[in-house]
């Protein structure tokens, strides 16, 4: 494993990272802007991304950084990559894998649908340790795609069907979605309420599930 680099802002008060997360390939941009403590682990960031992007933690994921690939080691045997990851996401911090402003790394969720996210460190802000214990969503646009819709091509087809009440699959698609789906919807207050349910500094699978269950459209 390549040793992660030390944060350039690791001295003094614990810094706050301002991140912009963009879902790659979406015709209409889907993005979020988060502030996260620099000492947050990638495992904790995974939980925050699941909550803010609208995913349900139903599939595998990994982070792709300049230092290598990080994931949950308990899922290694299921990834199909044929090699060990470079690191355990629970032992790598945000500051270690992205030590400076402008740094970028990737997050892929669901290797079947292949939802790829680009994460950019927009700013590294000073912050007292007492305040650096959770994530805050500052802004964003549009809902994340529904789970298991077939990736970007499937999502485009889903939106096409939903826009046409006369389409033969319109009603069945609405039923599959559990009612309605508004691709333009983004409720900042709700996102931060869900983020507030994540425990610091570690999030268990049970805690993440509870944070996700309160969301509109959440399905087991």
N, C-alpha and C. Protein backbone atom coordinates (compact mmCIF):
# COMPACT_ATOMS: atom_id res chain seq x y z
N UNK A 1 0.84 -1.21 0.00
CA UNK A 1 0.00 0.00 0.00
C UNK A 1 0.87 1.25 0.00
N UNK A 2 0.53 2.24 -0.79
CA UNK A 2 1.24 3.52 -0.81
C UNK A 2 0.80 4.33 0.40
N UNK A 3 1.74 4.79 1.25
CA UNK A 3 1.34 5.57 2.42
C UNK A 3 0.63 6.85 2.00
N UNK A 4 -0.55 7.15 2.56
CA UNK A 4 -1.25 8.38 2.21
C UNK A 4 -0.43 9.60 2.58
N UNK A 5 -0.54 10.65 1.79
CA UNK A 5 0.18 11.88 2.08
C UNK A 5 -0.46 12.59 3.27
N UNK A 6 0.36 13.35 3.99
CA UNK A 6 -0.14 14.13 5.11
C UNK A 6 -0.78 15.41 4.60
N UNK A 7 -1.86 15.82 5.24
CA UNK A 7 -2.56 17.03 4.83
C UNK A 7 -1.68 18.26 4.97
N UNK A 8 -1.77 19.14 3.98
CA UNK A 8 -1.03 20.39 4.05
C UNK A 8 -1.59 21.29 5.14
N UNK A 9 -2.83 21.02 5.56
CA UNK A 9 -3.47 21.86 6.58
C UNK A 9 -3.65 21.10 7.88
N UNK A 10 -2.74 20.12 8.12
CA UNK A 10 -2.94 19.23 9.26
C UNK A 10 -2.51 19.86 10.58
N UNK A 11 -1.81 21.00 10.54
CA UNK A 11 -1.38 21.64 11.77
C UNK A 11 -2.39 22.70 12.19
N UNK A 12 -2.52 22.88 13.53
CA UNK A 12 -3.47 23.87 14.02
C UNK A 12 -4.86 23.29 14.16
N UNK A 13 -5.87 24.17 14.10
CA UNK A 13 -7.25 23.72 14.23
C UNK A 13 -7.62 22.76 13.10
N UNK A 14 -8.47 21.80 13.42
CA UNK A 14 -8.87 20.81 12.42
C UNK A 14 -9.60 21.49 11.27
N UNK A 15 -9.07 21.39 10.06
CA UNK A 15 -9.68 22.07 8.91
C UNK A 15 -11.00 21.42 8.48
N UNK A 16 -11.78 22.20 7.76
CA UNK A 16 -13.01 21.73 7.15
C UNK A 16 -12.81 21.71 5.64
N UNK A 17 -13.13 20.59 5.02
CA UNK A 17 -13.03 20.47 3.57
C UNK A 17 -14.38 20.81 2.93
N UNK A 18 -14.36 21.70 1.96
CA UNK A 18 -15.55 21.96 1.15
C UNK A 18 -15.41 21.17 -0.14
N UNK A 19 -16.33 20.25 -0.36
CA UNK A 19 -16.27 19.34 -1.49
C UNK A 19 -17.42 19.59 -2.45
N UNK A 20 -17.16 19.45 -3.73
CA UNK A 20 -18.23 19.42 -4.72
C UNK A 20 -18.27 18.02 -5.32
N UNK A 21 -19.44 17.39 -5.23
CA UNK A 21 -19.63 16.04 -5.74
C UNK A 21 -20.53 16.11 -6.96
N UNK A 22 -20.06 15.60 -8.07
CA UNK A 22 -20.82 15.64 -9.32
C UNK A 22 -21.03 14.22 -9.83
N UNK A 23 -22.27 13.88 -10.15
CA UNK A 23 -22.57 12.59 -10.78
C UNK A 23 -22.22 12.70 -12.25
N UNK A 24 -21.23 11.95 -12.68
CA UNK A 24 -20.74 12.07 -14.05
C UNK A 24 -21.71 11.47 -15.07
N UNK A 25 -21.81 12.14 -16.21
CA UNK A 25 -22.58 11.61 -17.33
C UNK A 25 -24.04 11.98 -17.38
N UNK A 26 -24.56 12.59 -16.32
CA UNK A 26 -25.98 12.95 -16.30
C UNK A 26 -26.23 14.15 -17.22
N UNK A 27 -27.25 14.05 -18.06
CA UNK A 27 -27.57 15.12 -19.01
C UNK A 27 -27.89 16.41 -18.26
N UNK A 28 -28.70 16.31 -17.22
CA UNK A 28 -28.97 17.45 -16.34
C UNK A 28 -28.12 17.27 -15.09
N UNK A 29 -27.23 18.21 -14.78
CA UNK A 29 -26.27 18.03 -13.69
C UNK A 29 -26.91 17.66 -12.35
N UNK A 30 -26.37 16.63 -11.73
CA UNK A 30 -26.75 16.23 -10.37
C UNK A 30 -25.51 16.43 -9.52
N UNK A 31 -25.59 17.31 -8.53
CA UNK A 31 -24.40 17.61 -7.75
C UNK A 31 -24.77 18.03 -6.32
N UNK A 32 -23.75 17.96 -5.44
CA UNK A 32 -23.90 18.39 -4.06
C UNK A 32 -22.64 19.13 -3.64
N UNK A 33 -22.80 20.05 -2.71
CA UNK A 33 -21.65 20.73 -2.10
C UNK A 33 -21.69 20.44 -0.60
N UNK A 34 -20.64 19.81 -0.10
CA UNK A 34 -20.58 19.39 1.30
C UNK A 34 -19.40 20.02 2.02
N UNK A 35 -19.56 20.24 3.31
CA UNK A 35 -18.44 20.56 4.18
C UNK A 35 -18.27 19.40 5.15
N UNK A 36 -17.04 18.88 5.19
CA UNK A 36 -16.74 17.67 5.95
C UNK A 36 -15.42 17.88 6.70
N UNK A 37 -15.30 17.40 7.94
CA UNK A 37 -14.03 17.51 8.65
C UNK A 37 -12.90 16.81 7.90
N UNK A 38 -11.71 17.38 7.94
CA UNK A 38 -10.60 16.79 7.19
C UNK A 38 -10.22 15.41 7.72
N UNK A 39 -10.54 15.14 8.98
CA UNK A 39 -10.18 13.85 9.57
C UNK A 39 -11.28 12.80 9.41
N UNK A 40 -12.29 13.10 8.60
CA UNK A 40 -13.32 12.09 8.30
C UNK A 40 -12.69 10.96 7.50
N UNK A 41 -13.02 9.73 7.85
CA UNK A 41 -12.51 8.60 7.08
C UNK A 41 -13.29 8.49 5.77
N UNK A 42 -12.72 7.78 4.80
CA UNK A 42 -13.44 7.56 3.55
C UNK A 42 -14.68 6.71 3.80
N UNK A 43 -14.64 5.85 4.80
CA UNK A 43 -15.83 5.05 5.14
C UNK A 43 -16.96 5.97 5.61
N UNK A 44 -16.61 6.98 6.40
CA UNK A 44 -17.63 7.93 6.87
C UNK A 44 -18.12 8.78 5.70
N UNK A 45 -17.20 9.17 4.81
CA UNK A 45 -17.59 9.94 3.63
C UNK A 45 -18.53 9.13 2.75
N UNK A 46 -18.29 7.83 2.64
CA UNK A 46 -19.19 6.96 1.88
C UNK A 46 -20.62 7.07 2.42
N UNK A 47 -20.76 7.02 3.74
CA UNK A 47 -22.09 7.12 4.35
C UNK A 47 -22.73 8.48 4.03
N UNK A 48 -21.94 9.54 4.12
CA UNK A 48 -22.46 10.88 3.83
C UNK A 48 -22.88 11.01 2.37
N UNK A 49 -22.12 10.39 1.46
CA UNK A 49 -22.46 10.44 0.04
C UNK A 49 -23.74 9.66 -0.24
N UNK A 50 -23.91 8.52 0.42
CA UNK A 50 -25.13 7.74 0.24
C UNK A 50 -26.35 8.57 0.63
N UNK A 51 -26.24 9.25 1.76
CA UNK A 51 -27.36 10.05 2.26
C UNK A 51 -27.64 11.25 1.35
N UNK A 52 -26.61 11.98 0.98
CA UNK A 52 -26.83 13.23 0.25
C UNK A 52 -27.17 13.01 -1.23
N UNK A 53 -26.65 11.94 -1.83
CA UNK A 53 -26.92 11.70 -3.25
C UNK A 53 -28.21 10.94 -3.48
N UNK A 54 -28.77 10.37 -2.43
CA UNK A 54 -30.04 9.67 -2.58
C UNK A 54 -29.92 8.18 -2.82
N UNK A 55 -28.74 7.61 -2.59
CA UNK A 55 -28.57 6.16 -2.75
C UNK A 55 -29.06 5.42 -1.51
N UNK A 56 -29.07 4.10 -1.57
CA UNK A 56 -29.63 3.30 -0.47
C UNK A 56 -28.65 2.30 0.11
N UNK A 57 -27.36 2.43 -0.22
CA UNK A 57 -26.32 1.53 0.30
C UNK A 57 -26.63 0.07 0.01
N UNK A 58 -27.17 -0.19 -1.17
CA UNK A 58 -27.58 -1.55 -1.55
C UNK A 58 -26.54 -2.27 -2.40
N UNK A 59 -25.47 -1.57 -2.77
CA UNK A 59 -24.47 -2.14 -3.68
C UNK A 59 -23.06 -1.82 -3.21
N UNK A 60 -22.08 -2.41 -3.87
CA UNK A 60 -20.69 -2.18 -3.55
C UNK A 60 -20.23 -0.81 -4.05
N UNK A 61 -19.08 -0.38 -3.56
CA UNK A 61 -18.54 0.92 -3.93
C UNK A 61 -17.03 0.90 -3.76
N UNK A 62 -16.37 1.90 -4.29
CA UNK A 62 -14.96 2.14 -3.99
C UNK A 62 -14.60 3.59 -4.29
N UNK A 63 -13.48 4.01 -3.71
CA UNK A 63 -12.91 5.33 -3.97
C UNK A 63 -11.66 5.14 -4.82
N UNK A 64 -11.50 5.97 -5.84
CA UNK A 64 -10.32 5.94 -6.70
C UNK A 64 -9.56 7.25 -6.51
N UNK A 65 -8.39 7.16 -5.88
CA UNK A 65 -7.60 8.34 -5.54
C UNK A 65 -6.21 8.25 -6.16
N UNK A 66 -5.45 9.33 -6.03
CA UNK A 66 -4.07 9.34 -6.51
C UNK A 66 -3.22 8.34 -5.75
N UNK A 67 -3.66 7.96 -4.55
CA UNK A 67 -2.92 7.01 -3.72
C UNK A 67 -3.34 5.57 -3.99
N UNK A 68 -4.38 5.37 -4.78
CA UNK A 68 -4.85 4.03 -5.07
C UNK A 68 -6.34 3.88 -4.83
N UNK A 69 -6.79 2.63 -4.81
CA UNK A 69 -8.21 2.31 -4.66
C UNK A 69 -8.50 1.92 -3.21
N UNK A 70 -9.53 2.53 -2.63
CA UNK A 70 -9.93 2.26 -1.25
C UNK A 70 -11.37 1.75 -1.23
N UNK A 71 -11.60 0.76 -0.39
CA UNK A 71 -12.95 0.22 -0.28
C UNK A 71 -13.13 -0.43 1.08
N UNK A 72 -14.29 -1.02 1.30
CA UNK A 72 -14.57 -1.79 2.50
C UNK A 72 -13.94 -3.16 2.32
N UNK A 73 -12.92 -3.53 3.10
CA UNK A 73 -12.22 -4.80 2.88
C UNK A 73 -13.10 -6.02 3.03
N UNK A 74 -14.21 -5.91 3.74
CA UNK A 74 -15.10 -7.06 3.90
C UNK A 74 -15.81 -7.40 2.60
N UNK A 75 -15.74 -6.48 1.61
CA UNK A 75 -16.41 -6.71 0.33
C UNK A 75 -15.44 -7.07 -0.79
N UNK A 76 -14.17 -7.25 -0.46
CA UNK A 76 -13.16 -7.50 -1.49
C UNK A 76 -13.50 -8.67 -2.39
N UNK A 77 -14.00 -9.75 -1.78
CA UNK A 77 -14.23 -10.96 -2.55
C UNK A 77 -15.35 -10.81 -3.56
N UNK A 78 -16.14 -9.73 -3.44
CA UNK A 78 -17.29 -9.56 -4.32
C UNK A 78 -17.08 -8.52 -5.42
N UNK A 79 -15.92 -7.84 -5.44
CA UNK A 79 -15.76 -6.73 -6.36
C UNK A 79 -15.53 -7.16 -7.79
N UNK A 80 -14.90 -8.31 -7.99
CA UNK A 80 -14.62 -8.77 -9.34
C UNK A 80 -13.44 -8.08 -9.99
N UNK A 81 -12.65 -7.31 -9.20
CA UNK A 81 -11.50 -6.63 -9.78
C UNK A 81 -10.29 -7.55 -9.89
N UNK A 82 -10.30 -8.68 -9.18
CA UNK A 82 -9.22 -9.64 -9.30
C UNK A 82 -7.95 -9.26 -8.58
N UNK A 83 -7.98 -8.20 -7.78
CA UNK A 83 -6.80 -7.80 -7.02
C UNK A 83 -7.24 -7.07 -5.76
N UNK A 84 -6.33 -7.06 -4.78
CA UNK A 84 -6.64 -6.40 -3.52
C UNK A 84 -6.63 -4.88 -3.72
N UNK A 85 -7.50 -4.17 -3.00
CA UNK A 85 -7.45 -2.71 -3.07
C UNK A 85 -6.18 -2.20 -2.42
N UNK A 86 -5.83 -0.96 -2.66
CA UNK A 86 -4.63 -0.39 -2.06
C UNK A 86 -4.83 0.00 -0.61
N UNK A 87 -6.07 0.14 -0.18
CA UNK A 87 -6.28 0.55 1.19
C UNK A 87 -7.69 0.30 1.70
N UNK A 88 -7.78 0.29 3.04
CA UNK A 88 -9.04 0.14 3.76
C UNK A 88 -9.63 1.53 3.94
N UNK A 89 -10.84 1.73 3.44
CA UNK A 89 -11.45 3.07 3.50
C UNK A 89 -11.67 3.57 4.92
N UNK A 90 -11.77 2.66 5.87
CA UNK A 90 -11.99 3.09 7.26
C UNK A 90 -10.72 3.61 7.91
N UNK A 91 -9.57 3.36 7.28
CA UNK A 91 -8.28 3.78 7.85
C UNK A 91 -7.65 4.94 7.09
N UNK A 92 -8.30 5.40 6.04
CA UNK A 92 -7.79 6.54 5.26
C UNK A 92 -8.69 7.74 5.47
N UNK A 93 -8.08 8.89 5.72
CA UNK A 93 -8.87 10.10 5.93
C UNK A 93 -8.93 10.94 4.66
N UNK A 94 -9.88 11.83 4.65
CA UNK A 94 -10.04 12.74 3.52
C UNK A 94 -8.77 13.55 3.30
N UNK A 95 -8.18 14.05 4.40
CA UNK A 95 -6.98 14.87 4.29
C UNK A 95 -5.80 14.09 3.72
N UNK A 96 -5.74 12.80 3.97
CA UNK A 96 -4.62 11.99 3.50
C UNK A 96 -4.68 11.73 1.99
N UNK A 97 -5.87 11.53 1.47
CA UNK A 97 -5.98 11.19 0.04
C UNK A 97 -6.19 12.42 -0.84
N UNK A 98 -6.57 13.54 -0.23
CA UNK A 98 -6.77 14.79 -0.99
C UNK A 98 -6.22 15.94 -0.16
N UNK A 99 -4.90 16.09 -0.12
CA UNK A 99 -4.27 17.00 0.84
C UNK A 99 -4.30 18.48 0.50
N UNK A 100 -4.85 18.86 -0.66
CA UNK A 100 -4.81 20.28 -1.02
C UNK A 100 -6.03 20.69 -1.83
N UNK A 101 -6.28 21.99 -1.86
CA UNK A 101 -7.38 22.52 -2.66
C UNK A 101 -7.16 22.20 -4.13
N UNK A 102 -8.23 21.84 -4.80
CA UNK A 102 -8.14 21.47 -6.20
C UNK A 102 -7.95 19.98 -6.43
N UNK A 103 -7.62 19.24 -5.37
CA UNK A 103 -7.44 17.80 -5.50
C UNK A 103 -8.76 17.14 -5.89
N UNK A 104 -8.68 16.10 -6.70
CA UNK A 104 -9.87 15.39 -7.14
C UNK A 104 -9.69 13.89 -6.94
N UNK A 105 -10.79 13.22 -6.67
CA UNK A 105 -10.78 11.77 -6.62
C UNK A 105 -12.16 11.26 -6.98
N UNK A 106 -12.27 9.97 -7.23
CA UNK A 106 -13.52 9.41 -7.70
C UNK A 106 -14.19 8.52 -6.68
N UNK A 107 -15.49 8.39 -6.82
CA UNK A 107 -16.30 7.49 -5.99
C UNK A 107 -17.27 6.78 -6.93
N UNK A 108 -17.16 5.47 -7.01
CA UNK A 108 -18.08 4.71 -7.85
C UNK A 108 -18.98 3.86 -6.97
N UNK A 109 -20.27 3.91 -7.25
CA UNK A 109 -21.26 3.15 -6.50
C UNK A 109 -22.05 2.27 -7.45
N UNK A 110 -22.24 1.01 -7.08
CA UNK A 110 -22.98 0.01 -7.86
C UNK A 110 -22.22 -0.30 -9.16
N UNK A 111 -21.41 -1.34 -9.11
CA UNK A 111 -20.56 -1.67 -10.25
C UNK A 111 -21.36 -2.20 -11.44
N UNK A 112 -22.64 -2.47 -11.25
CA UNK A 112 -23.50 -2.87 -12.36
C UNK A 112 -24.01 -1.65 -13.11
N UNK A 113 -24.69 -0.75 -12.38
CA UNK A 113 -25.17 0.49 -12.99
C UNK A 113 -24.04 1.50 -13.18
N UNK A 114 -22.99 1.35 -12.39
CA UNK A 114 -21.77 2.17 -12.50
C UNK A 114 -22.06 3.67 -12.39
N UNK A 115 -22.46 4.07 -11.18
CA UNK A 115 -22.67 5.50 -10.91
C UNK A 115 -21.34 6.10 -10.47
N UNK A 116 -20.73 6.89 -11.35
CA UNK A 116 -19.42 7.47 -11.09
C UNK A 116 -19.56 8.92 -10.65
N UNK A 117 -18.89 9.24 -9.56
CA UNK A 117 -18.93 10.60 -9.00
C UNK A 117 -17.53 11.19 -9.01
N UNK A 118 -17.44 12.45 -9.37
CA UNK A 118 -16.18 13.18 -9.28
C UNK A 118 -16.25 14.09 -8.06
N UNK A 119 -15.26 13.98 -7.18
CA UNK A 119 -15.22 14.76 -5.95
C UNK A 119 -14.04 15.73 -6.02
N UNK A 120 -14.33 17.01 -5.87
CA UNK A 120 -13.30 18.05 -5.95
C UNK A 120 -13.21 18.80 -4.63
N UNK A 121 -12.00 18.99 -4.13
CA UNK A 121 -11.79 19.81 -2.94
C UNK A 121 -11.80 21.27 -3.38
N UNK A 122 -12.90 21.96 -3.13
CA UNK A 122 -13.02 23.36 -3.53
C UNK A 122 -12.25 24.29 -2.60
N UNK A 123 -12.38 24.04 -1.30
CA UNK A 123 -11.73 24.90 -0.30
C UNK A 123 -11.32 24.06 0.90
N UNK A 124 -10.27 24.50 1.58
CA UNK A 124 -9.91 23.94 2.89
C UNK A 124 -9.99 25.10 3.86
N UNK A 125 -10.96 25.03 4.76
CA UNK A 125 -11.28 26.14 5.65
C UNK A 125 -10.85 25.83 7.08
N UNK A 126 -10.40 26.84 7.83
CA UNK A 126 -10.07 26.62 9.24
C UNK A 126 -11.35 26.38 10.04
N UNK A 127 -11.24 25.53 11.04
CA UNK A 127 -12.41 25.26 11.86
C UNK A 127 -12.01 24.68 13.20
N UNK A 128 -12.64 25.09 14.29
CA UNK A 128 -12.30 24.55 15.61
C UNK A 128 -12.67 23.08 15.71
N UNK A 129 -11.88 22.27 16.43
CA UNK A 129 -12.17 20.85 16.57
C UNK A 129 -13.56 20.56 17.10
N UNK A 130 -14.08 21.44 17.96
CA UNK A 130 -15.40 21.19 18.54
C UNK A 130 -16.51 21.23 17.50
N UNK A 131 -16.27 21.94 16.38
CA UNK A 131 -17.30 22.06 15.35
C UNK A 131 -17.14 21.02 14.25
N UNK A 132 -15.97 20.37 14.22
CA UNK A 132 -15.66 19.46 13.12
C UNK A 132 -16.07 18.04 13.44
N UNK A 133 -17.35 17.83 13.64
CA UNK A 133 -17.81 16.49 14.02
C UNK A 133 -18.95 15.97 13.16
N UNK A 134 -19.25 16.64 12.08
CA UNK A 134 -20.32 16.15 11.22
C UNK A 134 -20.17 16.76 9.83
N UNK A 135 -21.05 16.38 8.94
CA UNK A 135 -21.04 16.95 7.59
C UNK A 135 -22.21 17.91 7.45
N UNK A 136 -22.05 18.89 6.58
CA UNK A 136 -23.10 19.86 6.30
C UNK A 136 -23.22 20.01 4.79
N UNK A 137 -24.43 19.89 4.29
CA UNK A 137 -24.67 20.11 2.86
C UNK A 137 -25.02 21.58 2.66
N UNK A 138 -24.27 22.26 1.81
CA UNK A 138 -24.48 23.68 1.56
C UNK A 138 -25.42 23.95 0.40
N UNK A 139 -25.39 23.06 -0.58
CA UNK A 139 -26.16 23.30 -1.80
C UNK A 139 -26.18 22.03 -2.63
N UNK A 140 -26.98 22.05 -3.68
CA UNK A 140 -27.04 20.90 -4.57
C UNK A 140 -28.10 21.11 -5.63
N UNK A 141 -28.20 20.16 -6.53
CA UNK A 141 -29.20 20.26 -7.59
C UNK A 141 -29.66 18.88 -8.01
N UNK A 142 -30.95 18.71 -8.08
CA UNK A 142 -31.62 17.54 -8.63
C UNK A 142 -31.48 16.29 -7.75
N UNK A 143 -32.45 15.42 -7.93
CA UNK A 143 -32.46 14.15 -7.21
C UNK A 143 -31.48 13.18 -7.84
N UNK A 144 -30.94 12.29 -7.02
CA UNK A 144 -30.13 11.21 -7.57
C UNK A 144 -31.04 10.23 -8.28
N UNK A 145 -30.55 9.51 -9.28
CA UNK A 145 -31.37 8.53 -10.00
C UNK A 145 -31.86 7.42 -9.06
N UNK A 146 -32.98 6.79 -9.39
CA UNK A 146 -33.46 5.66 -8.59
C UNK A 146 -32.47 4.49 -8.68
N UNK A 147 -32.40 3.72 -7.61
CA UNK A 147 -31.55 2.52 -7.61
C UNK A 147 -32.02 1.53 -8.68
N UNK A 148 -31.05 0.79 -9.23
CA UNK A 148 -31.32 -0.34 -10.13
C UNK A 148 -32.13 0.04 -11.37
N UNK A 149 -31.93 1.27 -11.85
CA UNK A 149 -32.68 1.69 -13.04
C UNK A 149 -31.92 1.43 -14.33
N UNK A 150 -30.71 0.86 -14.24
CA UNK A 150 -29.98 0.52 -15.45
C UNK A 150 -28.90 1.50 -15.83
N UNK A 151 -28.37 2.23 -14.86
CA UNK A 151 -27.32 3.19 -15.16
C UNK A 151 -27.83 4.39 -15.94
N UNK A 152 -26.92 5.13 -16.55
CA UNK A 152 -27.31 6.35 -17.27
C UNK A 152 -28.28 6.08 -18.42
N UNK A 153 -28.08 5.03 -19.25
CA UNK A 153 -29.05 4.77 -20.32
C UNK A 153 -30.43 4.43 -19.79
N UNK A 154 -30.47 3.60 -18.73
CA UNK A 154 -31.75 3.23 -18.14
C UNK A 154 -32.45 4.41 -17.50
N UNK A 155 -31.66 5.29 -16.88
CA UNK A 155 -32.24 6.47 -16.25
C UNK A 155 -32.85 7.40 -17.29
N UNK A 156 -32.15 7.58 -18.41
CA UNK A 156 -32.68 8.42 -19.49
C UNK A 156 -33.99 7.86 -20.02
N UNK A 157 -34.07 6.54 -20.16
CA UNK A 157 -35.30 5.91 -20.65
C UNK A 157 -36.42 6.05 -19.62
N UNK A 158 -36.08 5.91 -18.34
CA UNK A 158 -37.06 6.06 -17.27
C UNK A 158 -37.69 7.45 -17.30
N UNK A 159 -36.87 8.48 -17.44
CA UNK A 159 -37.39 9.85 -17.48
C UNK A 159 -38.28 10.06 -18.70
N UNK A 160 -37.90 9.45 -19.81
CA UNK A 160 -38.70 9.55 -21.03
C UNK A 160 -40.08 8.94 -20.83
N UNK A 161 -40.12 7.78 -20.18
CA UNK A 161 -41.40 7.10 -19.92
C UNK A 161 -42.26 7.92 -18.97
N UNK A 162 -41.65 8.47 -17.91
CA UNK A 162 -42.41 9.23 -16.93
C UNK A 162 -43.00 10.51 -17.52
N UNK A 163 -42.35 11.08 -18.50
CA UNK A 163 -42.84 12.33 -19.12
C UNK A 163 -44.01 12.10 -20.07
N UNK A 164 -44.25 10.84 -20.42
CA UNK A 164 -45.30 10.53 -21.40
C UNK A 164 -46.39 9.66 -20.77
N UNK A 165 -47.48 10.27 -20.29
CA UNK A 165 -48.56 9.49 -19.65
C UNK A 165 -49.16 8.43 -20.57
N UNK A 166 -48.99 8.58 -21.87
CA UNK A 166 -49.55 7.61 -22.82
C UNK A 166 -48.60 6.46 -23.11
N UNK A 167 -47.41 6.53 -22.57
CA UNK A 167 -46.46 5.44 -22.80
C UNK A 167 -46.99 4.16 -22.17
N UNK A 168 -46.90 3.01 -22.85
CA UNK A 168 -47.45 1.76 -22.32
C UNK A 168 -46.84 1.33 -20.98
N UNK A 169 -45.65 1.83 -20.65
CA UNK A 169 -45.01 1.45 -19.40
C UNK A 169 -45.10 2.54 -18.33
N UNK A 170 -45.85 3.59 -18.63
CA UNK A 170 -45.91 4.73 -17.71
C UNK A 170 -46.41 4.33 -16.33
N UNK A 171 -47.54 3.66 -16.26
CA UNK A 171 -48.13 3.30 -14.97
C UNK A 171 -47.28 2.27 -14.23
N UNK A 172 -46.76 1.29 -14.95
CA UNK A 172 -45.94 0.27 -14.29
C UNK A 172 -44.64 0.87 -13.76
N UNK A 173 -44.11 1.86 -14.47
CA UNK A 173 -42.90 2.52 -14.00
C UNK A 173 -43.17 3.33 -12.74
N UNK A 174 -44.31 4.02 -12.71
CA UNK A 174 -44.69 4.77 -11.51
C UNK A 174 -44.87 3.84 -10.33
N UNK A 175 -45.47 2.68 -10.58
CA UNK A 175 -45.68 1.71 -9.52
C UNK A 175 -44.34 1.19 -9.01
N UNK A 176 -43.42 0.92 -9.93
CA UNK A 176 -42.09 0.43 -9.54
C UNK A 176 -41.36 1.46 -8.68
N UNK A 177 -41.58 2.73 -8.98
CA UNK A 177 -40.94 3.80 -8.22
C UNK A 177 -41.65 4.07 -6.89
N UNK A 178 -42.78 3.44 -6.68
CA UNK A 178 -43.52 3.64 -5.45
C UNK A 178 -44.34 4.91 -5.44
N UNK A 179 -44.72 5.39 -6.61
CA UNK A 179 -45.54 6.60 -6.69
C UNK A 179 -44.96 7.57 -7.70
N UNK A 180 -44.46 8.69 -7.22
CA UNK A 180 -43.92 9.71 -8.12
C UNK A 180 -42.41 9.84 -7.95
N UNK A 181 -41.79 10.38 -8.96
CA UNK A 181 -40.36 10.68 -8.90
C UNK A 181 -40.13 12.00 -9.60
N UNK A 182 -39.58 12.95 -8.89
CA UNK A 182 -39.30 14.27 -9.45
C UNK A 182 -37.79 14.44 -9.59
N UNK A 183 -37.30 14.34 -10.81
CA UNK A 183 -35.86 14.42 -11.05
C UNK A 183 -35.28 15.79 -10.69
N UNK A 184 -36.13 16.82 -10.65
CA UNK A 184 -35.66 18.18 -10.36
C UNK A 184 -35.65 18.49 -8.86
N UNK A 185 -36.12 17.54 -8.07
CA UNK A 185 -36.29 17.80 -6.63
C UNK A 185 -34.96 17.73 -5.87
N UNK A 186 -34.74 18.73 -5.01
CA UNK A 186 -33.61 18.71 -4.07
C UNK A 186 -34.00 19.54 -2.87
N UNK A 187 -34.10 18.91 -1.70
CA UNK A 187 -34.54 19.58 -0.48
C UNK A 187 -33.36 19.66 0.48
N UNK A 188 -32.72 20.81 0.56
CA UNK A 188 -31.52 20.98 1.37
C UNK A 188 -31.77 20.71 2.85
N UNK A 189 -32.89 21.18 3.37
CA UNK A 189 -33.19 20.99 4.79
C UNK A 189 -33.32 19.51 5.13
N UNK A 190 -33.98 18.76 4.26
CA UNK A 190 -34.14 17.32 4.50
C UNK A 190 -32.79 16.61 4.45
N UNK A 191 -31.97 16.97 3.48
CA UNK A 191 -30.65 16.34 3.35
C UNK A 191 -29.84 16.54 4.63
N UNK A 192 -29.85 17.75 5.18
CA UNK A 192 -29.09 18.01 6.40
C UNK A 192 -29.71 17.32 7.61
N UNK A 193 -31.01 17.14 7.60
CA UNK A 193 -31.64 16.39 8.68
C UNK A 193 -31.19 14.93 8.65
N UNK A 194 -31.11 14.35 7.45
CA UNK A 194 -30.64 12.97 7.32
C UNK A 194 -29.16 12.86 7.70
N UNK A 195 -28.36 13.85 7.29
CA UNK A 195 -26.94 13.83 7.64
C UNK A 195 -26.75 13.89 9.15
N UNK A 196 -27.63 14.60 9.83
CA UNK A 196 -27.54 14.72 11.27
C UNK A 196 -27.73 13.41 12.01
N UNK A 197 -28.26 12.40 11.33
CA UNK A 197 -28.47 11.10 11.96
C UNK A 197 -27.24 10.20 11.90
N UNK A 198 -26.24 10.62 11.13
CA UNK A 198 -25.02 9.82 11.04
C UNK A 198 -24.18 10.03 12.30
N UNK A 199 -23.70 8.96 12.88
CA UNK A 199 -22.91 9.04 14.10
C UNK A 199 -21.44 9.30 13.78
N UNK A 200 -20.79 10.01 14.68
CA UNK A 200 -19.38 10.36 14.52
C UNK A 200 -18.57 9.67 15.61
N UNK A 201 -17.37 9.15 15.35
CA UNK A 201 -16.66 9.20 14.07
C UNK A 201 -16.87 7.96 13.19
N UNK A 202 -17.63 6.97 13.67
CA UNK A 202 -17.87 5.77 12.87
C UNK A 202 -19.36 5.58 12.65
N UNK A 203 -19.71 5.12 11.47
CA UNK A 203 -21.11 4.85 11.14
C UNK A 203 -21.25 3.35 10.90
N UNK A 204 -22.11 2.70 11.67
CA UNK A 204 -22.36 1.28 11.46
C UNK A 204 -23.39 1.11 10.34
N UNK A 205 -23.48 -0.11 9.82
CA UNK A 205 -24.47 -0.39 8.77
C UNK A 205 -25.88 -0.10 9.29
N UNK A 206 -26.14 -0.42 10.55
CA UNK A 206 -27.46 -0.19 11.14
C UNK A 206 -27.77 1.30 11.22
N UNK A 207 -26.79 2.10 11.65
CA UNK A 207 -26.99 3.54 11.75
C UNK A 207 -27.25 4.17 10.39
N UNK A 208 -26.49 3.72 9.39
CA UNK A 208 -26.69 4.25 8.04
C UNK A 208 -28.07 3.88 7.52
N UNK A 209 -28.48 2.66 7.78
CA UNK A 209 -29.81 2.22 7.33
C UNK A 209 -30.90 3.08 7.95
N UNK A 210 -30.75 3.41 9.24
CA UNK A 210 -31.74 4.25 9.91
C UNK A 210 -31.76 5.66 9.32
N UNK A 211 -30.59 6.17 8.95
CA UNK A 211 -30.52 7.50 8.35
C UNK A 211 -31.20 7.51 6.98
N UNK A 212 -31.09 6.39 6.26
CA UNK A 212 -31.67 6.31 4.93
C UNK A 212 -33.17 6.05 4.95
N UNK A 213 -33.65 5.37 5.97
CA UNK A 213 -35.05 4.94 6.01
C UNK A 213 -36.04 6.09 6.05
N UNK A 214 -35.63 7.25 6.57
CA UNK A 214 -36.57 8.36 6.67
C UNK A 214 -36.78 9.12 5.39
N UNK A 215 -36.04 8.77 4.34
CA UNK A 215 -36.12 9.55 3.11
C UNK A 215 -37.32 9.18 2.26
N UNK A 216 -37.79 10.15 1.51
CA UNK A 216 -38.88 9.89 0.56
C UNK A 216 -38.40 8.89 -0.48
N UNK A 217 -39.23 7.90 -0.76
CA UNK A 217 -38.90 6.95 -1.81
C UNK A 217 -37.92 5.87 -1.42
N UNK A 218 -37.53 5.83 -0.13
CA UNK A 218 -36.59 4.79 0.28
C UNK A 218 -37.25 3.43 0.18
N UNK A 219 -36.53 2.49 -0.43
CA UNK A 219 -37.04 1.13 -0.57
C UNK A 219 -36.00 0.15 -0.06
N UNK A 220 -36.45 -0.88 0.64
CA UNK A 220 -35.53 -1.92 1.12
C UNK A 220 -34.92 -2.66 -0.06
